[in-house]
Amino acid sequence: MTTHPSRKFMECLQYAAFKHREQRRKDPLETPYVNHVINVSTILSVEGCITDEAVLMAALLHDVVEDTDATFADVEQLFGADVCGLVREVTDDKSLEKQERKRLQIVNAGKSSCRAKLIKLADKLDNLRDLQINTPRGWTEVGLIIPEETNLKANPFTLKERREQYFVWAKQVVDNLRGTNANLELKLDEIFRQRGLL
């Protein structure tokens, strides 16, 4: 039996593309940011075998409130309370300092619903795959100051160390998402094993 994306899914894809239309990833080619949210939804569907359309739609919208002028009210009005609730669960509070947002991702990962955890796993997988081959534009030799309780290395460190610290941080987040989707966790573990983190 052939399945087709619903009309609502396609409207969601179009909305994400429109809202992220002027944003670029930090890779050297400055690929359109919308590629990332499409990748996250595709990873869930193809590699994670997820068929829950609300999860796939929330994956497309996972950065729309955080990084554009869209609001949770907009998302709920257009795509419903279920999708909006998932987007809310995976959205960082941009009013907080970056280091605090990173710390909270570790702390709060395990408290998320199973469906939100799926989106977080796919998001980390896409980001880590990209980081394996690209150094983000704008990364300098000076890294972030990371709170002690995360067990991450503090300033200063080299660009190579900064990249490695990102993998360490991502593993801490993923460790708190475990037991959610074996396929995605296996793919993430392959990356962590390559980095000597397993």
Protein backbone atom coordinates (compact mmCIF):
# COMPACT_ATOMS: atom_id res chain seq x y z
CA MET A 1 0.00 0.00 0.00
CA THR A 2 1.35 3.39 -0.99
CA THR A 3 1.01 6.21 1.50
CA HIS A 4 1.02 9.87 0.63
CA PRO A 5 1.69 12.91 2.76
CA SER A 6 -1.49 14.56 3.94
CA ARG A 7 -2.54 18.01 2.87
CA LYS A 8 -1.78 19.25 6.40
CA PHE A 9 1.73 17.80 6.26
CA MET A 10 2.41 19.56 2.95
CA GLU A 11 1.07 22.84 4.37
CA CYS A 12 3.41 22.36 7.32
CA LEU A 13 6.38 21.77 5.01
CA GLN A 14 5.50 24.89 3.03
CA TYR A 15 5.12 26.93 6.24
CA ALA A 16 8.53 25.78 7.53
CA ALA A 17 10.13 26.62 4.18
CA PHE A 18 8.56 30.08 4.20
CA LYS A 19 9.49 30.89 7.80
CA HIS A 20 13.10 29.72 7.40
CA ARG A 21 13.46 31.12 3.84
CA GLU A 22 16.15 33.69 4.67
CA GLN A 23 18.14 31.57 7.11
CA ARG A 24 21.27 29.63 6.29
CA ARG A 25 23.11 26.83 8.08
CA LYS A 26 26.56 27.63 9.46
CA ASP A 27 28.30 25.21 7.10
CA PRO A 28 30.83 26.58 4.58
CA LEU A 29 28.26 26.37 1.75
CA GLU A 30 25.62 28.16 3.82
CA THR A 31 22.97 25.65 2.83
CA PRO A 32 19.36 26.77 3.32
CA TYR A 33 18.30 26.24 6.93
CA VAL A 34 15.09 24.55 5.84
CA ASN A 35 17.23 21.59 4.68
CA HIS A 36 17.92 20.86 8.36
CA VAL A 37 14.27 20.67 9.43
CA ILE A 38 13.45 18.54 6.37
CA ASN A 39 16.38 16.27 7.28
CA VAL A 40 15.09 15.88 10.85
CA SER A 41 11.62 14.88 9.64
CA THR A 42 13.10 12.55 7.01
CA ILE A 43 15.43 10.90 9.55
CA LEU A 44 12.41 10.18 11.73
CA SER A 45 10.40 8.71 8.87
CA VAL A 46 13.10 6.81 6.98
CA GLU A 47 15.63 5.81 9.64
CA GLY A 48 13.44 5.89 12.75
CA CYS A 49 10.44 4.27 11.00
CA ILE A 50 8.11 6.86 12.54
CA THR A 51 4.69 7.19 10.92
CA ASP A 52 3.10 9.53 13.51
CA GLU A 53 2.32 12.52 11.30
CA ALA A 54 2.17 14.98 14.21
CA VAL A 55 5.73 14.03 15.16
CA LEU A 56 6.90 14.40 11.55
CA MET A 57 5.19 17.79 11.30
CA ALA A 58 6.61 18.98 14.63
CA ALA A 59 10.04 17.95 13.36
CA LEU A 60 9.56 20.30 10.42
CA LEU A 61 8.59 23.05 12.87
CA HIS A 62 11.04 22.26 15.67
CA ASP A 63 13.01 25.52 15.22
CA VAL A 64 10.27 27.75 13.84
CA VAL A 65 9.36 29.48 17.13
CA GLU A 66 12.94 29.52 18.38
CA ASP A 67 14.47 31.00 15.22
CA THR A 68 11.75 32.93 13.36
CA ASP A 69 8.92 35.34 14.12
CA ALA A 70 6.42 32.46 14.40
CA THR A 71 4.67 32.00 17.74
CA PHE A 72 3.22 28.99 19.51
CA ALA A 73 -0.21 30.56 18.90
CA ASP A 74 0.53 30.57 15.15
CA VAL A 75 1.59 26.93 15.20
CA GLU A 76 -1.46 25.88 17.20
CA GLN A 77 -3.87 27.79 14.98
CA LEU A 78 -2.38 26.36 11.79
CA PHE A 79 -1.48 22.81 12.85
CA GLY A 80 -3.35 22.06 16.07
CA ALA A 81 -2.64 21.61 19.76
CA ASP A 82 -0.87 18.25 19.39
CA VAL A 83 1.77 19.53 16.96
CA CYS A 84 2.12 22.76 18.92
CA GLY A 85 2.67 20.86 22.17
CA LEU A 86 5.51 18.90 20.59
CA VAL A 87 7.09 22.06 19.16
CA ARG A 88 6.83 23.65 22.61
CA GLU A 89 8.63 20.67 24.18
CA VAL A 90 11.61 20.92 21.81
CA THR A 91 11.94 24.71 21.75
CA ASP A 92 14.74 26.34 23.75
CA ASP A 93 14.02 29.53 25.68
CA LYS A 94 16.05 32.08 23.71
CA SER A 95 15.80 34.59 26.59
CA LEU A 96 18.37 32.44 28.44
CA GLU A 97 22.12 32.52 27.85
CA LYS A 98 23.39 29.91 25.39
CA GLN A 99 25.31 28.03 28.09
CA GLU A 100 22.19 27.79 30.23
CA ARG A 101 20.12 26.56 27.29
CA LYS A 102 22.72 23.84 26.63
CA ARG A 103 22.71 22.83 30.30
CA LEU A 104 18.91 22.67 30.33
CA GLN A 105 18.89 20.47 27.23
CA ILE A 106 20.89 17.90 29.21
CA VAL A 107 18.80 18.26 32.37
CA ASN A 108 15.39 18.29 30.67
CA ALA A 109 15.96 15.68 27.95
CA GLY A 110 14.79 12.79 30.10
CA LYS A 111 11.66 14.67 31.19
CA SER A 112 10.36 15.05 27.64
CA SER A 113 7.53 12.98 26.21
CA CYS A 114 8.57 10.00 24.09
CA ARG A 115 7.38 11.80 20.95
CA ALA A 116 9.44 14.91 21.73
CA LYS A 117 12.45 12.70 22.47
CA LEU A 118 12.18 11.30 18.93
CA ILE A 119 12.50 14.80 17.48
CA LYS A 120 15.44 15.60 19.76
CA LEU A 121 17.24 12.41 18.71
CA ALA A 122 16.77 13.13 15.01
CA ASP A 123 17.83 16.75 15.50
CA LYS A 124 21.03 15.69 17.25
CA LEU A 125 21.71 13.07 14.59
CA ASP A 126 21.43 15.59 11.76
CA ASN A 127 23.53 18.19 13.59
CA LEU A 128 26.27 15.68 14.44
CA ARG A 129 26.39 14.32 10.90
CA ASP A 130 26.89 17.86 9.68
CA LEU A 131 29.53 18.60 12.31
CA GLN A 132 31.47 15.49 11.29
CA ILE A 133 32.16 17.04 7.89
CA ASN A 134 31.84 20.81 8.45
CA THR A 135 33.22 23.35 10.88
CA PRO A 136 30.44 25.85 11.53
CA ARG A 137 31.03 29.31 10.11
CA GLY A 138 31.70 31.73 12.94
CA TRP A 139 33.23 29.21 15.32
CA THR A 140 36.42 30.67 16.70
CA GLU A 141 39.34 29.35 18.69
CA VAL A 142 37.59 30.37 21.90
CA GLY A 143 34.87 28.01 23.00
CA LEU A 144 31.88 28.39 25.27
CA ILE A 145 31.95 28.64 29.02
CA ILE A 146 30.08 25.55 30.16
CA PRO A 147 28.72 25.17 33.71
CA GLU A 148 30.65 22.68 35.89
CA GLU A 149 27.70 20.38 36.58
CA THR A 150 27.66 19.30 32.92
CA ASN A 151 31.21 17.90 33.24
CA LEU A 152 32.27 19.72 30.09
CA LYS A 153 35.55 21.51 29.60
CA ALA A 154 35.53 25.29 30.14
CA ASN A 155 37.18 28.13 28.15
CA PRO A 156 39.50 28.44 26.39
CA PHE A 157 39.98 25.61 23.93
CA THR A 158 40.97 25.19 20.32
CA LEU A 159 38.59 24.83 17.41
CA LYS A 160 39.21 21.06 17.35
CA GLU A 161 38.50 20.87 21.07
CA ARG A 162 35.38 22.97 20.64
CA ARG A 163 34.09 20.51 18.06
CA GLU A 164 34.86 17.60 20.38
CA GLN A 165 33.13 19.37 23.26
CA TYR A 166 30.00 19.63 21.13
CA PHE A 167 30.06 15.85 20.60
CA VAL A 168 30.54 15.32 24.35
CA TRP A 169 27.63 17.66 25.13
CA ALA A 170 25.41 16.02 22.50
CA LYS A 171 26.15 12.59 23.97
CA GLN A 172 25.06 13.82 27.40
CA VAL A 173 21.76 14.96 25.89
CA VAL A 174 21.32 11.70 23.96
CA ASP A 175 22.12 9.61 27.05
CA ASN A 176 19.06 11.17 28.68
CA LEU A 177 16.92 10.29 25.64
CA ARG A 178 17.83 6.59 25.55
CA GLY A 179 15.17 3.92 25.27
CA THR A 180 13.20 5.97 22.75
CA ASN A 181 14.16 4.61 19.31
CA ALA A 182 16.77 1.88 18.88
CA ASN A 183 17.41 2.71 15.21
CA LEU A 184 18.23 6.37 15.87
CA GLU A 185 20.23 5.58 18.98
CA LEU A 186 22.30 3.05 17.04
CA LYS A 187 23.12 5.68 14.40
CA LEU A 188 24.08 8.17 17.11
CA ASP A 189 26.20 5.54 18.89
CA GLU A 190 28.11 4.91 15.65
CA ILE A 191 29.08 8.59 15.65
CA PHE A 192 29.96 8.59 19.36
CA ARG A 193 32.05 5.44 18.89
CA GLN A 194 33.97 7.10 16.04
CA ARG A 195 34.71 10.03 18.39
CA GLY A 196 35.92 7.70 21.14
CA LEU A 197 32.98 8.50 23.39
CA LEU A 198 31.75 4.90 23.73
